[in-house]
Amino acid sequence: MRYLLPLVAGTALVAGLASPAQAAPASNEWAADVSGRAVTWGGSPRTGLIELGTHRLAQPANAVTAAVTGDGVVDVRGLRADGQWTEWLEAPATLPVTTSTIETRVVLSGGKASRVELTASKAPATVAADDVSVAAAGRSYRVYATREGLVGGTTANGHVIRSRDHFVALPSRRGLANKNSGNYSVQVCASNGRCEWAPVWDVGPWNTKDDYWNASATREMWKDLPQGKPEAQAAYEDGYNGGKDQFGRKPANPAGIDLADGTFWDGLKLTNNAWVTVTYLWTGSGPVGTVRTSDAAGTVNVRSGATSTASQVGIAANYAQVRVTCQLTGQSVTGTQGTSNVWYRIASGKHIAKAYVAGVSGATAC
């Protein structure tokens, strides 16, 4: 579990992003005055986020540099050919794709920032480019899960934690989704066969720079560890790094993921911390959709078949993304996306009604 600081309100004065009619012209050099922008504080250690939104480049690029006046660093990501985003990387950064659309955010550690200047250019690739031309399953690893709790606290992306909430925390902000977004989501499955699809809305447990699901060539820290093994697990089990985490603490468990209470109790039906199998869905490719419920804290049942009478084998949280293996015809259902008899298979033996999933394109018949 994590130890989160109490809710801290963001700044009240907000200078909004430009409307589409006022959008800045495409350019490879641009700047932003951030002194009046809203700051979302949360997480542990406490950090602040200033979302700068997307920027259209005049020339495609894969490398971004940034200069911040004041406190903070800049995270950057690029839009892939399939409409999904690369992971966030701290600038200066070389992205795994050449893109014409960049998104940035300022990450504060406690102070204030007043201005950000950014430059995008073309640089030699440092890792193999993301191949999104064919469908591929995301990376999956077996890791130890703990229950986050901390109801009433604020996550690293500014979400205020509800009772029996549905999200997860991973120990790197490279996979931290925007608030009320599931652009980084996981499929987490317990040994009892139940799974939940949930967005990544917090950073932890134990570490904040441990993207252990990545290969050593791109992993931010602890590049000598096997891919898929969290540093906290290596410290706890093997005495790695002197048996300590990034902050010099001795981990009390080998956790590589934190689960919100609803994910832990209702989605997976867990009663104790446990080993789970996690699929990091943004590392895959192929048809993808976003779960939408009428209730902001809602969930959708995942069934063993394409009917509401089939056994419930998991749930999908509002805003979570799901990878669609194929689609089939089943019971007609009415939901937030209208009425449809189409169901999506999102894992072996796991189905969700199209009526609650937005944005799927290119799904083939099962």
Protein backbone atom coordinates (compact mmCIF):
# COMPACT_ATOMS: atom_id res chain seq x y z
CA MET A 1 0.00 0.00 0.00
CA ARG A 2 1.00 3.63 -0.38
CA TYR A 3 1.12 6.46 2.11
CA LEU A 4 -0.60 9.42 0.51
CA LEU A 5 -0.69 12.99 1.76
CA PRO A 6 -4.07 14.62 2.40
CA LEU A 7 -5.91 16.47 -0.33
CA VAL A 8 -4.30 19.76 -1.30
CA ALA A 9 -6.36 22.12 -3.42
CA GLY A 10 -4.94 23.34 -6.72
CA THR A 11 -4.51 27.01 -7.48
CA ALA A 12 -7.68 28.95 -8.06
CA LEU A 13 -6.51 31.21 -10.88
CA VAL A 14 -6.67 29.45 -14.20
CA ALA A 15 -5.55 30.67 -17.59
CA GLY A 16 -7.30 28.20 -19.86
CA LEU A 17 -5.80 26.56 -22.92
CA ALA A 18 -6.54 28.20 -26.23
CA SER A 19 -9.83 27.23 -27.87
CA PRO A 20 -9.66 25.50 -31.27
CA ALA A 21 -10.35 28.85 -32.94
CA GLN A 22 -7.39 30.35 -31.09
CA ALA A 23 -5.08 27.36 -31.44
CA ALA A 24 -1.44 28.26 -31.93
CA PRO A 25 -0.04 27.69 -35.42
CA ALA A 26 1.94 24.54 -36.04
CA SER A 27 5.57 25.01 -35.09
CA ASN A 28 8.59 23.09 -33.84
CA GLU A 29 9.53 25.77 -31.35
CA TRP A 30 6.93 27.06 -28.93
CA ALA A 31 6.54 28.45 -25.44
CA ALA A 32 3.90 28.65 -22.73
CA ASP A 33 3.36 31.07 -19.85
CA VAL A 34 2.40 28.77 -16.97
CA SER A 35 2.46 31.24 -14.09
CA GLY A 36 -1.34 31.42 -13.97
CA ARG A 37 -2.16 27.84 -14.92
CA ALA A 38 -3.95 25.50 -12.54
CA VAL A 39 -1.69 23.15 -10.59
CA THR A 40 -3.03 19.78 -9.49
CA TRP A 41 -1.23 18.55 -6.36
CA GLY A 42 -1.37 14.96 -5.20
CA GLY A 43 0.41 11.66 -4.81
CA SER A 44 3.21 10.67 -2.47
CA PRO A 45 5.79 12.14 -2.65
CA ARG A 46 3.60 15.16 -3.34
CA THR A 47 3.93 16.50 -6.88
CA GLY A 48 2.10 19.09 -8.93
CA LEU A 49 0.98 18.76 -12.54
CA ILE A 50 0.36 21.58 -15.01
CA GLU A 51 -1.29 20.17 -18.12
CA LEU A 52 -0.17 22.06 -21.24
CA GLY A 53 -2.27 20.12 -23.73
CA THR A 54 -1.38 19.09 -27.27
CA HIS A 55 0.73 20.96 -29.80
CA ARG A 56 0.80 20.48 -33.58
CA LEU A 57 4.27 20.39 -35.13
CA ALA A 58 5.12 22.02 -38.44
CA GLN A 59 7.51 19.16 -39.22
CA PRO A 60 7.29 15.60 -37.83
CA ALA A 61 9.77 14.98 -35.02
CA ASN A 62 10.78 12.42 -32.43
CA ALA A 63 12.94 14.43 -30.03
CA VAL A 64 11.86 17.16 -27.62
CA THR A 65 13.87 19.46 -25.39
CA ALA A 66 12.42 21.78 -22.76
CA ALA A 67 13.59 24.67 -20.59
CA VAL A 68 11.60 25.57 -17.48
CA THR A 69 11.86 28.94 -15.77
CA GLY A 70 11.43 28.12 -12.10
CA ASP A 71 10.78 24.70 -10.54
CA GLY A 72 9.85 21.59 -12.43
CA VAL A 73 10.55 19.27 -15.33
CA VAL A 74 8.57 18.61 -18.47
CA ASP A 75 7.00 15.29 -19.46
CA VAL A 76 6.34 14.75 -23.15
CA ARG A 77 4.55 12.14 -25.22
CA GLY A 78 3.77 11.66 -28.90
CA LEU A 79 0.67 10.56 -30.77
CA ARG A 80 1.11 7.19 -32.49
CA ALA A 81 -0.23 6.26 -35.92
CA ASP A 82 -3.05 4.26 -34.30
CA GLY A 83 -4.32 7.25 -32.33
CA GLN A 84 -2.85 6.08 -29.03
CA TRP A 85 -0.08 7.83 -27.10
CA THR A 86 3.48 6.80 -26.38
CA GLU A 87 4.46 6.70 -22.72
CA TRP A 88 5.37 9.97 -21.04
CA LEU A 89 9.12 10.67 -21.06
CA GLU A 90 10.95 13.39 -19.16
CA ALA A 91 12.51 15.94 -21.51
CA PRO A 92 14.99 15.97 -23.07
CA ALA A 93 13.48 12.87 -24.63
CA THR A 94 13.65 10.79 -27.80
CA LEU A 95 10.23 9.29 -28.49
CA PRO A 96 9.74 5.79 -29.95
CA VAL A 97 7.77 7.30 -32.86
CA THR A 98 8.11 10.22 -35.25
CA THR A 99 4.96 12.28 -34.82
CA SER A 100 3.26 15.54 -35.72
CA THR A 101 1.39 15.86 -32.42
CA ILE A 102 3.02 16.33 -29.04
CA GLU A 103 1.48 16.63 -25.57
CA THR A 104 3.34 18.09 -22.60
CA ARG A 105 2.90 18.63 -18.87
CA VAL A 106 5.02 20.32 -16.21
CA VAL A 107 5.81 18.28 -13.10
CA LEU A 108 6.51 20.32 -9.97
CA SER A 109 8.23 19.04 -6.84
CA GLY A 110 7.12 21.87 -4.58
CA GLY A 111 7.95 25.19 -6.15
CA LYS A 112 6.49 27.25 -8.99
CA ALA A 113 7.15 27.50 -12.71
CA SER A 114 6.54 30.62 -14.80
CA ARG A 115 7.47 29.72 -18.37
CA VAL A 116 8.26 26.71 -20.52
CA GLU A 117 10.11 26.76 -23.84
CA LEU A 118 10.06 23.65 -26.05
CA THR A 119 11.79 22.51 -29.23
CA ALA A 120 10.98 19.44 -31.33
CA SER A 121 13.41 17.99 -33.84
CA LYS A 122 14.34 14.83 -35.71
CA ALA A 123 17.00 12.69 -34.04
CA PRO A 124 18.39 9.18 -34.54
CA ALA A 125 16.16 6.60 -32.88
CA THR A 126 17.49 5.27 -29.58
CA VAL A 127 15.05 2.32 -29.41
CA ALA A 128 13.06 0.35 -31.95
CA ALA A 129 10.01 2.27 -33.19
CA ASP A 130 6.59 1.21 -31.95
CA ASP A 131 4.99 -1.10 -34.54
CA VAL A 132 1.24 -0.56 -34.48
CA SER A 133 0.53 -1.96 -37.96
CA VAL A 134 -0.74 -5.29 -36.61
CA ALA A 135 -2.69 -6.21 -33.50
CA ALA A 136 -0.55 -7.40 -30.62
CA ALA A 137 -1.24 -8.21 -27.01
CA GLY A 138 0.24 -5.89 -24.41
CA ARG A 139 3.04 -7.02 -22.12
CA SER A 140 1.90 -9.09 -19.14
CA TYR A 141 3.75 -9.83 -15.90
CA ARG A 142 2.94 -11.50 -12.60
CA VAL A 143 3.43 -9.00 -9.79
CA TYR A 144 2.41 -8.58 -6.18
CA ALA A 145 -0.63 -6.37 -5.57
CA THR A 146 -1.54 -4.40 -2.46
CA ARG A 147 -4.69 -2.46 -1.59
CA GLU A 148 -4.26 1.30 -1.75
CA GLY A 149 -7.11 2.56 0.46
CA LEU A 150 -6.50 6.26 1.26
CA VAL A 151 -10.13 7.29 0.69
CA GLY A 152 -10.36 11.08 0.55
CA GLY A 153 -6.75 11.51 -0.55
CA THR A 154 -5.64 12.78 -3.93
CA THR A 155 -3.85 10.67 -6.52
CA ALA A 156 -0.91 11.85 -8.59
CA ASN A 157 -3.23 12.90 -11.45
CA GLY A 158 -5.57 14.88 -9.19
CA HIS A 159 -8.34 12.32 -8.68
CA VAL A 160 -9.95 12.40 -5.23
CA ILE A 161 -10.19 8.82 -4.02
CA ARG A 162 -13.73 7.56 -3.41
CA SER A 163 -14.97 4.69 -1.29
CA ARG A 164 -14.61 1.42 -3.24
CA ASP A 165 -12.92 3.27 -6.09
CA HIS A 166 -11.64 1.70 -9.31
CA PHE A 167 -8.12 2.55 -10.52
CA VAL A 168 -4.55 1.33 -10.06
CA ALA A 169 -1.16 2.82 -9.21
CA LEU A 170 2.08 1.89 -10.95
CA PRO A 171 5.55 2.97 -9.73
CA SER A 172 6.32 5.29 -12.67
CA ARG A 173 4.57 8.36 -14.01
CA ARG A 174 5.47 7.23 -17.53
CA GLY A 175 2.15 5.38 -17.48
CA LEU A 176 0.12 7.93 -15.49
CA ALA A 177 -3.13 8.76 -17.28
CA ASN A 178 -4.69 12.19 -17.27
CA LYS A 179 -7.51 12.75 -14.78
CA ASN A 180 -10.77 11.18 -16.02
CA SER A 181 -8.90 9.40 -18.79
CA GLY A 182 -7.91 5.81 -19.42
CA ASN A 183 -5.21 6.36 -22.02
CA TYR A 184 -3.02 4.19 -19.78
CA SER A 185 -5.05 1.26 -18.46
CA VAL A 186 -4.33 -2.24 -17.24
CA GLN A 187 -6.04 -5.59 -17.26
CA VAL A 188 -5.36 -7.12 -13.86
CA CYS A 189 -6.36 -10.73 -13.18
CA ALA A 190 -6.36 -12.75 -9.96
CA SER A 191 -5.73 -16.46 -9.54
CA ASN A 192 -9.49 -16.97 -9.03
CA GLY A 193 -10.00 -16.13 -12.73
CA ARG A 194 -11.54 -12.70 -12.18
CA CYS A 195 -10.19 -9.64 -13.99
CA GLU A 196 -10.68 -5.89 -13.88
CA TRP A 197 -9.86 -3.28 -16.49
CA ALA A 198 -8.88 -0.06 -14.73
CA PRO A 199 -7.12 3.24 -15.51
CA VAL A 200 -3.71 4.14 -14.06
CA TRP A 201 -4.40 7.20 -11.89
CA ASP A 202 -1.65 7.11 -9.27
CA VAL A 203 2.09 6.53 -8.89
CA GLY A 204 3.44 3.86 -6.53
CA PRO A 205 3.91 1.58 -4.67
CA TRP A 206 7.34 2.26 -3.15
CA ASN A 207 9.02 3.78 -6.22
CA THR A 208 8.18 6.53 -8.73
CA LYS A 209 10.70 5.83 -11.50
CA ASP A 210 10.32 2.09 -11.96
CA ASP A 211 8.70 1.32 -15.32
CA TYR A 212 9.57 -2.33 -14.83
CA TRP A 213 7.33 -3.46 -17.73
CA ASN A 214 9.80 -1.88 -20.17
CA ALA A 215 12.97 -3.43 -21.54
CA SER A 216 16.31 -2.33 -20.10
CA ALA A 217 16.97 -0.10 -23.12
CA THR A 218 14.08 2.17 -22.12
CA ARG A 219 13.62 1.43 -18.40
CA GLU A 220 14.24 4.65 -16.45
CA MET A 221 16.12 3.10 -13.50
CA TRP A 222 17.48 -0.30 -12.45
CA LYS A 223 18.24 -1.38 -16.00
CA ASP A 224 20.05 -4.48 -14.78
CA LEU A 225 16.86 -6.06 -13.41
CA PRO A 226 14.89 -8.54 -15.53
CA GLN A 227 12.07 -6.98 -17.52
CA GLY A 228 8.84 -7.41 -15.57
CA LYS A 229 10.46 -7.51 -12.12
CA PRO A 230 9.69 -4.45 -9.95
CA GLU A 231 12.61 -2.98 -8.03
CA ALA A 232 10.64 -3.29 -4.77
CA GLN A 233 10.30 -7.02 -5.38
CA ALA A 234 14.01 -7.37 -6.06
CA ALA A 235 14.84 -5.36 -2.92
CA TYR A 236 12.42 -7.36 -0.77
CA GLU A 237 13.29 -10.82 -2.06
CA ASP A 238 16.92 -10.52 -3.13
CA GLY A 239 18.36 -7.60 -1.16
CA TYR A 240 18.80 -5.66 -4.40
CA ASN A 241 19.91 -2.04 -3.93
CA GLY A 242 20.83 -2.88 -0.37
CA GLY A 243 17.27 -4.07 0.21
CA LYS A 244 15.97 -0.52 -0.23
CA ASP A 245 13.67 1.34 -2.59
CA GLN A 246 14.32 4.57 -4.51
CA PHE A 247 13.94 6.61 -1.31
CA GLY A 248 16.13 4.48 0.94
CA ARG A 249 13.26 2.65 2.62
CA LYS A 250 13.09 -1.11 3.11
CA PRO A 251 9.95 -2.33 1.32
CA ALA A 252 7.53 -4.16 3.61
CA ASN A 253 6.34 -6.24 0.64
CA PRO A 254 7.34 -6.90 -2.99
CA ALA A 255 4.46 -4.88 -4.49
CA GLY A 256 4.56 -3.76 -8.12
CA ILE A 257 0.98 -2.44 -8.28
CA ASP A 258 -1.53 -0.84 -5.92
CA LEU A 259 -5.25 -1.49 -6.37
CA ALA A 260 -8.01 0.90 -5.35
CA ASP A 261 -10.46 -0.61 -2.88
CA GLY A 262 -13.20 -1.34 -5.42
CA THR A 263 -10.73 -2.97 -7.80
CA PHE A 264 -9.35 -5.06 -4.93
CA TRP A 265 -12.61 -6.09 -3.24
CA ASP A 266 -15.25 -5.96 -6.00
CA GLY A 267 -13.36 -6.43 -9.24
CA LEU A 268 -10.99 -9.20 -8.19
CA LYS A 269 -12.79 -10.37 -5.02
CA LEU A 270 -9.51 -10.33 -3.10
CA THR A 271 -9.41 -10.44 0.69
CA ASN A 272 -5.63 -10.15 1.12
CA ASN A 273 -2.70 -8.79 -0.85
CA ALA A 274 -1.92 -11.27 -3.61
CA TRP A 275 0.04 -12.07 -6.75
CA VAL A 276 -1.83 -11.01 -9.89
CA THR A 277 -1.20 -10.97 -13.63
CA VAL A 278 -1.12 -7.47 -15.08
CA THR A 279 -1.36 -6.58 -18.78
CA TYR A 280 -0.17 -3.05 -19.56
CA LEU A 281 -2.67 -2.39 -22.33
CA TRP A 282 -0.97 0.63 -23.92
CA THR A 283 2.01 -1.58 -24.80
CA GLY A 284 -0.19 -3.50 -27.22
CA SER A 285 -1.87 -2.54 -30.48
CA GLY A 286 -5.10 -3.22 -32.30
CA PRO A 287 -8.72 -2.13 -31.80
CA VAL A 288 -9.27 -0.28 -28.53
CA GLY A 289 -12.28 1.29 -26.84
CA THR A 290 -13.08 3.30 -23.72
CA VAL A 291 -15.62 2.16 -21.13
CA ARG A 292 -18.22 4.81 -20.35
CA THR A 293 -20.85 4.64 -17.63
CA SER A 294 -23.48 7.19 -16.62
CA ASP A 295 -22.08 7.26 -13.08
CA ALA A 296 -18.59 8.76 -12.83
CA ALA A 297 -17.67 5.99 -10.38
CA GLY A 298 -19.49 3.29 -12.34
CA THR A 299 -18.40 -0.07 -13.66
CA VAL A 300 -19.60 -2.47 -16.37
CA ASN A 301 -19.92 -6.20 -15.88
CA VAL A 302 -17.61 -8.43 -17.91
CA ARG A 303 -19.32 -11.71 -18.78
CA SER A 304 -18.22 -15.19 -19.83
CA GLY A 305 -20.50 -14.94 -22.87
CA ALA A 306 -22.35 -12.39 -24.99
CA THR A 307 -25.40 -12.15 -22.73
CA SER A 308 -26.27 -10.60 -19.39
CA THR A 309 -27.22 -14.03 -18.08
CA ALA A 310 -23.68 -15.37 -18.56
CA SER A 311 -21.57 -15.51 -15.42
CA GLN A 312 -19.83 -12.33 -14.31
CA VAL A 313 -16.08 -12.90 -14.58
CA GLY A 314 -14.89 -9.38 -13.88
CA ILE A 315 -15.67 -5.71 -14.31
CA ALA A 316 -14.41 -2.75 -16.32
CA ALA A 317 -14.14 0.65 -14.68
CA ASN A 318 -15.43 3.90 -16.15
CA TYR A 319 -12.74 5.51 -18.37
CA ALA A 320 -10.74 2.26 -18.63
CA GLN A 321 -9.51 1.29 -22.06
CA VAL A 322 -10.06 -2.25 -23.31
CA ARG A 323 -8.27 -4.06 -26.13
CA VAL A 324 -10.81 -5.75 -28.42
CA THR A 325 -9.82 -9.18 -29.70
CA CYS A 326 -12.95 -9.58 -31.82
CA GLN A 327 -16.70 -8.93 -31.80
CA LEU A 328 -19.76 -11.19 -31.84
CA THR A 329 -23.54 -10.95 -31.85
CA GLY A 330 -25.36 -11.55 -28.58
CA GLN A 331 -28.08 -10.12 -26.38
CA SER A 332 -29.24 -6.60 -27.21
CA VAL A 333 -28.22 -4.13 -24.50
CA THR A 334 -28.95 -0.43 -23.99
CA GLY A 335 -26.21 1.66 -22.42
CA THR A 336 -24.38 4.97 -22.61
CA GLN A 337 -23.45 4.33 -26.27
CA GLY A 338 -26.97 3.42 -27.40
CA THR A 339 -28.58 0.05 -28.06
CA SER A 340 -26.64 -2.78 -29.68
CA ASN A 341 -26.51 -6.58 -29.84
CA VAL A 342 -22.74 -6.48 -30.45
CA TRP A 343 -20.41 -7.67 -27.72
CA TYR A 344 -16.64 -7.36 -27.63
CA ARG A 345 -14.28 -10.12 -26.55
CA ILE A 346 -11.57 -8.37 -24.53
CA ALA A 347 -9.75 -11.49 -23.31
CA SER A 348 -10.26 -15.22 -23.52
CA GLY A 349 -13.69 -15.96 -22.05
CA LYS A 350 -14.24 -12.27 -21.21
CA HIS A 351 -16.92 -10.17 -22.98
CA ILE A 352 -18.35 -6.67 -22.63
CA ALA A 353 -21.40 -5.09 -24.27
CA LYS A 354 -20.67 -2.57 -27.03
CA ALA A 355 -23.42 -0.40 -25.55
CA TYR A 356 -20.94 0.71 -22.87
CA VAL A 357 -17.75 1.00 -24.95
CA ALA A 358 -16.89 4.04 -27.06
CA GLY A 359 -14.49 4.48 -29.93
CA VAL A 360 -13.84 0.93 -31.17
CA SER A 361 -12.82 0.74 -34.82
CA GLY A 362 -11.66 -2.16 -36.95
CA ALA A 363 -12.83 -5.05 -34.74
CA THR A 364 -13.21 -8.28 -36.69
CA ALA A 365 -15.75 -11.06 -36.18
CA CYS A 366 -14.91 -13.80 -33.68
